[in-house]
Amino acid sequence: MPMPAAEIEALIRAAIPDAEVTITDLAGDGDHYAAHVVAPSFAGLSRVAQHKAVYGALGERVGGVLHALQVTTAVPT
């Protein structure tokens, strides 16, 4: 069963409360998503650390019920 975009967004927001999260279904199949996450708390973190925070919010779902996730992150300007 595919993972709904709203659930992905909720999990990221729960782990990174100051985040602005945009989820896009890349293939229209509920299995391939892009997540764009912008958060003040990313300031001073490397891009790798930012991505780890996002993937950490989703835990074991990545590669399981969430087949593929493309992550982009940023600090607000």
Protein backbone atom coordinates (compact mmCIF):
# COMPACT_ATOMS: atom_id res chain seq x y z
CA MET A 1 0.00 0.00 0.00
CA PRO A 2 1.48 3.39 -0.99
CA MET A 3 2.29 5.99 1.61
CA PRO A 4 0.15 9.15 1.34
CA ALA A 5 1.96 12.46 0.79
CA ALA A 6 0.16 13.93 3.82
CA GLU A 7 1.68 11.25 6.05
CA ILE A 8 5.19 11.98 4.76
CA GLU A 9 4.66 15.68 5.40
CA ALA A 10 3.29 15.05 8.91
CA LEU A 11 6.25 12.85 9.87
CA ILE A 12 8.77 15.44 8.67
CA ARG A 13 6.92 18.28 10.44
CA ALA A 14 6.79 16.25 13.66
CA ALA A 15 10.56 15.74 13.61
CA ILE A 16 11.46 19.20 12.27
CA PRO A 17 8.74 21.51 13.67
CA ASP A 18 10.07 24.71 12.09
CA ALA A 19 10.08 23.19 8.58
CA GLU A 20 8.18 24.26 5.51
CA VAL A 21 7.53 20.99 3.69
CA THR A 22 6.45 20.50 0.08
CA ILE A 23 5.78 16.95 -1.09
CA THR A 24 5.41 16.14 -4.81
CA ASP A 25 4.28 12.77 -6.18
CA LEU A 26 6.78 12.36 -9.02
CA ALA A 27 5.16 9.46 -10.85
CA GLY A 28 1.52 9.72 -9.76
CA ASP A 29 1.78 6.26 -8.21
CA GLY A 30 2.13 7.10 -4.51
CA ASP A 31 5.55 5.42 -4.44
CA HIS A 32 7.97 8.03 -5.83
CA TYR A 33 8.03 11.37 -4.04
CA ALA A 34 10.13 14.50 -3.85
CA ALA A 35 10.35 16.37 -0.56
CA HIS A 36 11.53 19.97 -0.43
CA VAL A 37 12.21 20.94 3.18
CA VAL A 38 13.14 24.46 4.26
CA ALA A 39 13.95 24.97 7.94
CA PRO A 40 15.73 27.58 10.06
CA SER A 41 17.09 24.72 12.18
CA PHE A 42 19.16 23.60 9.17
CA ALA A 43 21.39 26.68 9.57
CA GLY A 44 24.98 25.61 10.13
CA LEU A 45 24.31 21.99 9.10
CA SER A 46 25.92 20.41 6.06
CA ARG A 47 23.62 19.34 3.23
CA VAL A 48 24.28 15.72 4.24
CA ALA A 49 23.22 16.43 7.84
CA GLN A 50 20.07 18.20 6.60
CA HIS A 51 19.15 15.20 4.44
CA LYS A 52 19.87 12.80 7.33
CA ALA A 53 17.41 14.76 9.48
CA VAL A 54 14.70 14.37 6.84
CA TYR A 55 15.38 10.66 6.26
CA GLY A 56 15.57 10.15 10.04
CA ALA A 57 12.08 11.60 10.39
CA LEU A 58 10.79 8.87 8.07
CA GLY A 59 12.76 6.04 9.67
CA GLU A 60 12.39 2.55 8.27
CA ARG A 61 9.57 3.62 5.95
CA VAL A 62 12.15 4.71 3.36
CA GLY A 63 12.82 1.74 1.13
CA GLY A 64 9.78 0.00 2.61
CA VAL A 65 6.29 1.50 2.29
CA LEU A 66 7.96 4.60 0.88
CA HIS A 67 9.70 3.23 -2.17
CA ALA A 68 11.65 6.30 -3.33
CA LEU A 69 12.18 9.80 -1.96
CA GLN A 70 14.16 12.59 -3.58
CA VAL A 71 15.13 15.14 -0.92
CA THR A 72 16.13 18.77 -1.32
CA THR A 73 16.76 20.99 1.67
CA ALA A 74 17.44 24.65 2.31
CA VAL A 75 17.71 27.32 4.98
CA PRO A 76 15.20 30.19 4.59
CA THR A 77 16.66 33.33 3.06
